[in-house]
Protein backbone atom coordinates (compact mmCIF):
# COMPACT_ATOMS: atom_id res chain seq x y z
CA MET A 1 15.54 41.67 -11.20
CA SER A 2 15.95 37.92 -11.53
CA LYS A 3 14.23 35.56 -9.14
CA ARG A 4 16.60 33.88 -6.66
CA ARG A 5 16.51 30.09 -6.71
CA ASP A 6 15.58 28.32 -3.51
CA PRO A 7 18.76 26.43 -2.46
CA GLU A 8 16.65 23.49 -1.32
CA MET A 9 15.21 23.16 -4.82
CA ILE A 10 18.63 23.05 -6.55
CA ASP A 11 19.48 19.48 -7.54
CA ASP A 12 23.00 19.08 -8.89
CA ASP A 13 22.46 15.36 -9.55
CA THR A 14 19.50 15.97 -11.86
CA PRO A 15 19.76 19.46 -13.34
CA GLU A 16 16.91 21.09 -15.18
CA TRP A 17 16.43 19.70 -18.69
CA THR A 18 17.47 21.69 -21.73
CA ASP A 19 15.80 21.71 -25.14
CA GLU A 20 18.47 19.24 -26.32
CA ASP A 21 17.61 16.87 -23.46
CA PHE A 22 13.95 16.89 -24.48
CA GLU A 23 14.88 16.23 -28.12
CA ARG A 24 16.95 13.16 -27.14
CA ALA A 25 14.30 11.80 -24.76
CA ARG A 26 12.56 8.53 -25.67
CA PRO A 27 9.42 6.95 -24.22
CA ALA A 28 9.85 4.37 -21.46
CA SER A 29 8.20 1.79 -23.71
CA GLU A 30 11.26 2.04 -26.00
CA VAL A 31 13.98 2.27 -23.36
CA LEU A 32 12.89 -0.29 -20.75
CA PRO A 33 12.99 -3.38 -23.04
CA GLU A 34 16.59 -2.50 -23.93
CA LEU A 35 17.55 -2.22 -20.27
CA PHE A 36 15.53 -5.00 -18.65
CA GLY A 37 14.16 -7.22 -21.42
CA HIS A 38 10.66 -7.33 -22.90
CA GLU A 39 8.99 -9.40 -20.17
CA ALA A 40 10.20 -7.21 -17.30
CA ALA A 41 9.45 -4.04 -19.28
CA ASP A 42 5.89 -5.20 -20.00
CA ASP A 43 5.37 -5.83 -16.30
CA MET A 44 6.80 -2.40 -15.37
CA LEU A 45 4.57 -0.63 -17.88
CA LYS A 46 1.31 -2.24 -16.70
CA PRO A 47 -0.89 0.36 -15.05
CA ARG A 48 -1.43 -0.31 -11.34
CA ARG A 49 -3.83 1.55 -9.13
CA GLY A 50 -4.35 1.61 -5.42
CA ARG A 51 -2.68 -0.54 -2.82
CA PRO A 52 -0.80 -3.66 -3.78
CA LYS A 53 -2.99 -6.74 -3.52
CA ALA A 54 -2.59 -8.56 -0.20
CA GLU A 55 -1.47 -12.16 -0.35
CA HIS A 56 -4.23 -13.09 2.12
CA PRO A 57 -6.84 -10.31 1.93
CA LYS A 58 -9.29 -9.88 4.76
CA GLU A 59 -12.88 -10.76 4.06
CA HIS A 60 -15.55 -8.11 4.45
CA ILE A 61 -18.44 -9.46 6.54
CA THR A 62 -21.30 -8.22 8.67
CA ILE A 63 -21.27 -9.44 12.26
CA ARG A 64 -23.48 -8.65 15.22
CA LEU A 65 -21.67 -8.21 18.54
CA ASP A 66 -22.90 -7.25 22.00
CA GLN A 67 -22.90 -3.52 22.58
CA GLU A 68 -20.47 -3.74 25.52
CA VAL A 69 -17.97 -5.68 23.38
CA VAL A 70 -18.04 -3.07 20.62
CA GLU A 71 -17.85 -0.17 23.09
CA ALA A 72 -14.90 -1.74 24.94
CA PHE A 73 -12.92 -2.07 21.71
CA ARG A 74 -14.00 1.30 20.29
CA ASP A 75 -12.92 2.99 23.51
CA THR A 76 -9.36 1.83 22.80
CA GLY A 77 -9.22 4.25 19.84
CA PRO A 78 -8.35 3.93 16.17
CA GLY A 79 -7.51 0.42 15.04
CA TRP A 80 -10.14 -1.18 17.26
CA GLN A 81 -11.40 -3.47 14.47
CA THR A 82 -7.87 -4.82 14.00
CA ARG A 83 -7.74 -5.51 17.76
CA VAL A 84 -11.06 -7.40 17.55
CA ASN A 85 -9.53 -9.51 14.77
CA GLN A 86 -6.42 -10.16 16.90
CA ALA A 87 -8.55 -11.17 19.90
CA LEU A 88 -10.49 -13.63 17.75
CA LYS A 89 -7.24 -15.08 16.37
CA ARG A 90 -5.91 -15.59 19.93
CA PHE A 91 -9.18 -17.28 20.88
CA LEU A 92 -8.85 -19.69 17.94
CA GLN A 93 -5.30 -20.59 19.01
CA GLU A 94 -6.58 -21.64 22.43
CA HIS A 95 -10.06 -22.99 21.68
CA SER A 96 -11.97 -25.02 19.15
CA PRO A 97 -14.51 -22.90 17.23
CA SER A 98 -16.86 -25.88 17.03
CA ASP A 99 -17.05 -26.29 20.84
CA PRO A 100 -20.03 -24.22 22.08
CA THR A 101 -18.48 -24.00 25.56
CA GLY A 102 -15.38 -22.32 24.11
CA ARG A 103 -12.93 -24.91 25.48
């Protein structure tokens, strides 16, 4: 008895490869320069790992805050560190960081 194919797994646009398809196949390093040029192909073929690099990455620091400040933000749930960052940004828009009175 043959196994029935799952209709959700059938892809008419890209059917399963035959032996002839595999014989005609060429590595991307040969095909991409023909399609996009050598410079673009070289860029496409560079290995990339992880997230894309941020244009303005955040800086990892250690900071000491009052316990009630940390608890108040942590109590707001996941993303609390981002909200601390946003609160500090708003403060800088309204105040001078060099003024010890915060005006």
